[in-house]
Amino acid sequence: MDSTPHSFQPELEYAFTISIELAGLHWIRPSARGDARAAIYAANGTVEGPRLNGEVIPMSGGDFPLQRPNGVIDFDARYLLKADDGAVIYLQNRGYRWARTPEIAAKMARNEDVSTDDYYMRVTPQFDAPEGPHEWLTKHVFVGVAEKIPNANRIHYFVVL
């Protein structure tokens, strides 16, 4: 197999990390659209990195994931960020998480700590930011690589160049 990169293969540049604490979990079981639907709120968090710093505005939104019968979790998270300069930025994350084994899935369902090698968790965010210094967020595609931490998520965002 040829391992030569495709001539259009994009480069990624690390932009920032969002660490977010989650609270108030509610379930809809069974859901008409999947195995279960959850609602969990963005309690608070931080934004840190070379391209953006600030905080998650407490209780400004949350995630409403659909858990499919095959164990894949389909994310739909929406909440607000506040940059260090006071700008308010809307974030919507769509993505997927799945465990590599049923045993790991069970540990994650119990909110236990697992290794990042034990699951796949990726998101594709979109931002709505005011004109000015944060407008760049609205002009780029991003990929987020996420870590599941008990009662929290940490998502590392990369700009697709």
Protein backbone atom coordinates (compact mmCIF):
# COMPACT_ATOMS: atom_id res chain seq x y z
CA MET A 1 0.00 0.00 0.00
CA ASP A 2 1.32 3.46 -0.94
CA SER A 3 1.87 5.64 2.16
CA THR A 4 2.60 8.80 0.19
CA PRO A 5 0.34 11.63 1.45
CA HIS A 6 -2.32 12.78 -0.97
CA SER A 7 -1.44 16.12 -2.57
CA PHE A 8 -4.59 17.67 -1.03
CA GLN A 9 -4.14 16.19 2.45
CA PRO A 10 -4.77 19.06 4.88
CA GLU A 11 -2.48 20.15 7.66
CA LEU A 12 -3.74 20.64 11.20
CA GLU A 13 -2.71 23.36 13.64
CA TYR A 14 -3.45 23.12 17.37
CA ALA A 15 -5.70 26.05 18.40
CA PHE A 16 -6.98 25.49 21.97
CA THR A 17 -8.40 23.03 24.50
CA ILE A 18 -11.77 23.25 26.19
CA SER A 19 -12.06 21.50 29.56
CA ILE A 20 -15.71 21.28 30.50
CA GLU A 21 -17.42 20.00 33.64
CA LEU A 22 -20.79 18.34 33.07
CA ALA A 23 -23.80 18.24 35.41
CA GLY A 24 -27.48 17.38 35.60
CA LEU A 25 -27.67 14.18 33.56
CA HIS A 26 -31.19 13.16 32.42
CA TRP A 27 -32.16 10.17 30.25
CA ILE A 28 -34.97 9.41 27.82
CA ARG A 29 -35.22 5.60 27.68
CA PRO A 30 -36.11 4.14 25.35
CA SER A 31 -35.84 6.87 22.78
CA ALA A 32 -37.84 6.57 19.57
CA ARG A 33 -34.67 7.52 17.62
CA GLY A 34 -32.13 5.24 19.30
CA ASP A 35 -31.35 3.23 22.40
CA ALA A 36 -31.39 6.30 24.66
CA ARG A 37 -31.17 10.09 24.54
CA ALA A 38 -29.44 12.07 27.27
CA ALA A 39 -29.31 15.69 28.32
CA ILE A 40 -26.28 16.90 30.25
CA TYR A 41 -25.43 20.49 30.96
CA ALA A 42 -22.22 22.49 30.55
CA ALA A 43 -21.72 23.43 34.21
CA ASN A 44 -18.48 25.38 33.65
CA GLY A 45 -15.07 25.09 32.08
CA THR A 46 -11.96 26.71 30.67
CA VAL A 47 -10.61 27.51 27.23
CA GLU A 48 -6.81 27.53 26.97
CA GLY A 49 -4.45 27.59 24.03
CA PRO A 50 -2.31 29.58 21.64
CA ARG A 51 -5.30 30.90 19.62
CA LEU A 52 -8.09 31.34 22.21
CA ASN A 53 -8.39 31.67 25.99
CA GLY A 54 -11.39 32.17 28.21
CA GLU A 55 -14.14 30.20 29.90
CA VAL A 56 -17.26 28.16 29.25
CA ILE A 57 -20.17 30.32 30.37
CA PRO A 58 -21.71 28.28 33.21
CA MET A 59 -24.98 26.52 32.39
CA SER A 60 -25.14 28.21 28.95
CA GLY A 61 -26.08 24.99 27.19
CA GLY A 62 -25.20 21.34 27.07
CA ASP A 63 -25.07 18.12 25.11
CA PHE A 64 -28.06 16.09 23.96
CA PRO A 65 -26.42 12.88 22.72
CA LEU A 66 -28.24 9.98 21.12
CA GLN A 67 -26.95 6.54 22.10
CA ARG A 68 -27.49 4.15 19.21
CA PRO A 69 -28.33 0.47 19.74
CA ASN A 70 -24.78 -0.41 18.55
CA GLY A 71 -23.25 1.68 21.37
CA VAL A 72 -22.16 4.66 19.27
CA ILE A 73 -22.92 7.98 20.95
CA ASP A 74 -23.91 10.73 18.51
CA PHE A 75 -23.16 14.13 20.10
CA ASP A 76 -25.02 17.39 19.62
CA ALA A 77 -23.57 19.90 22.09
CA ARG A 78 -24.26 23.63 22.12
CA TYR A 79 -22.98 26.16 24.64
CA LEU A 80 -21.32 29.55 24.98
CA LEU A 81 -17.71 30.56 25.49
CA LYS A 82 -16.49 33.87 26.85
CA ALA A 83 -13.08 34.91 25.54
CA ASP A 84 -10.62 36.74 27.80
CA ASP A 85 -11.52 40.00 26.05
CA GLY A 86 -15.23 39.53 26.93
CA ALA A 87 -16.43 38.37 23.50
CA VAL A 88 -19.21 35.76 23.67
CA ILE A 89 -18.82 32.88 21.20
CA TYR A 90 -21.42 30.22 20.34
CA LEU A 91 -20.13 26.66 19.87
CA GLN A 92 -21.91 23.68 18.37
CA ASN A 93 -20.15 20.31 18.46
CA ARG A 94 -21.27 17.28 16.48
CA GLY A 95 -19.36 14.04 16.74
CA TYR A 96 -19.12 10.44 17.83
CA ARG A 97 -17.86 8.34 20.72
CA TRP A 98 -17.61 4.59 20.84
CA ALA A 99 -15.74 2.14 23.05
CA ARG A 100 -13.37 -0.41 21.57
CA THR A 101 -14.86 -3.27 23.66
CA PRO A 102 -18.14 -3.93 25.53
CA GLU A 103 -16.19 -3.97 28.81
CA ILE A 104 -14.85 -0.45 28.19
CA ALA A 105 -18.36 0.70 27.20
CA ALA A 106 -19.67 -0.60 30.54
CA LYS A 107 -16.93 1.26 32.46
CA MET A 108 -17.71 4.48 30.58
CA ALA A 109 -21.44 4.04 31.28
CA ARG A 110 -20.56 3.86 34.99
CA ASN A 111 -18.57 7.12 34.56
CA GLU A 112 -15.29 5.36 35.41
CA ASP A 113 -11.89 6.50 34.18
CA VAL A 114 -10.58 4.72 31.07
CA SER A 115 -7.54 5.14 28.84
CA THR A 116 -7.87 7.35 25.75
CA ASP A 117 -6.70 4.33 23.72
CA ASP A 118 -9.87 2.47 24.77
CA TYR A 119 -12.33 4.62 22.83
CA TYR A 120 -12.83 6.88 19.82
CA MET A 121 -14.17 10.39 20.52
CA ARG A 122 -14.03 13.05 17.79
CA VAL A 123 -16.06 16.19 17.14
CA THR A 124 -16.47 18.73 14.35
CA PRO A 125 -17.36 22.12 15.82
CA GLN A 126 -18.83 25.22 14.27
CA PHE A 127 -18.55 28.64 15.87
CA ASP A 128 -20.51 31.87 15.71
CA ALA A 129 -18.34 34.75 16.90
CA PRO A 130 -18.67 38.52 16.69
CA GLU A 131 -16.81 40.46 14.04
CA GLY A 132 -13.30 41.30 15.14
CA PRO A 133 -10.45 39.28 16.62
CA HIS A 134 -12.42 36.02 16.98
CA GLU A 135 -14.01 36.09 13.55
CA TRP A 136 -11.35 33.62 12.35
CA LEU A 137 -13.32 30.91 14.20
CA THR A 138 -16.17 31.36 11.70
CA LYS A 139 -13.92 30.99 8.66
CA HIS A 140 -12.20 27.67 9.33
CA VAL A 141 -13.01 24.01 9.67
CA PHE A 142 -11.94 22.40 12.95
CA VAL A 143 -11.46 18.87 14.24
CA GLY A 144 -11.66 18.11 17.94
CA VAL A 145 -10.05 15.12 19.63
CA ALA A 146 -11.79 14.53 22.93
CA GLU A 147 -10.96 12.88 26.23
CA LYS A 148 -13.73 11.47 28.41
CA ILE A 149 -13.01 12.20 32.05
CA PRO A 150 -15.45 11.24 34.83
CA ASN A 151 -18.08 14.05 34.92
CA ALA A 152 -16.12 16.06 32.34
CA ASN A 153 -14.73 16.25 28.82
CA ARG A 154 -11.49 17.76 27.54
CA ILE A 155 -11.49 18.55 23.83
CA HIS A 156 -8.37 19.54 21.90
CA TYR A 157 -9.26 21.61 18.81
CA PHE A 158 -7.22 21.73 15.62
CA VAL A 159 -7.70 24.13 12.70
CA VAL A 160 -7.74 22.47 9.29
CA LEU A 161 -5.36 24.60 7.18
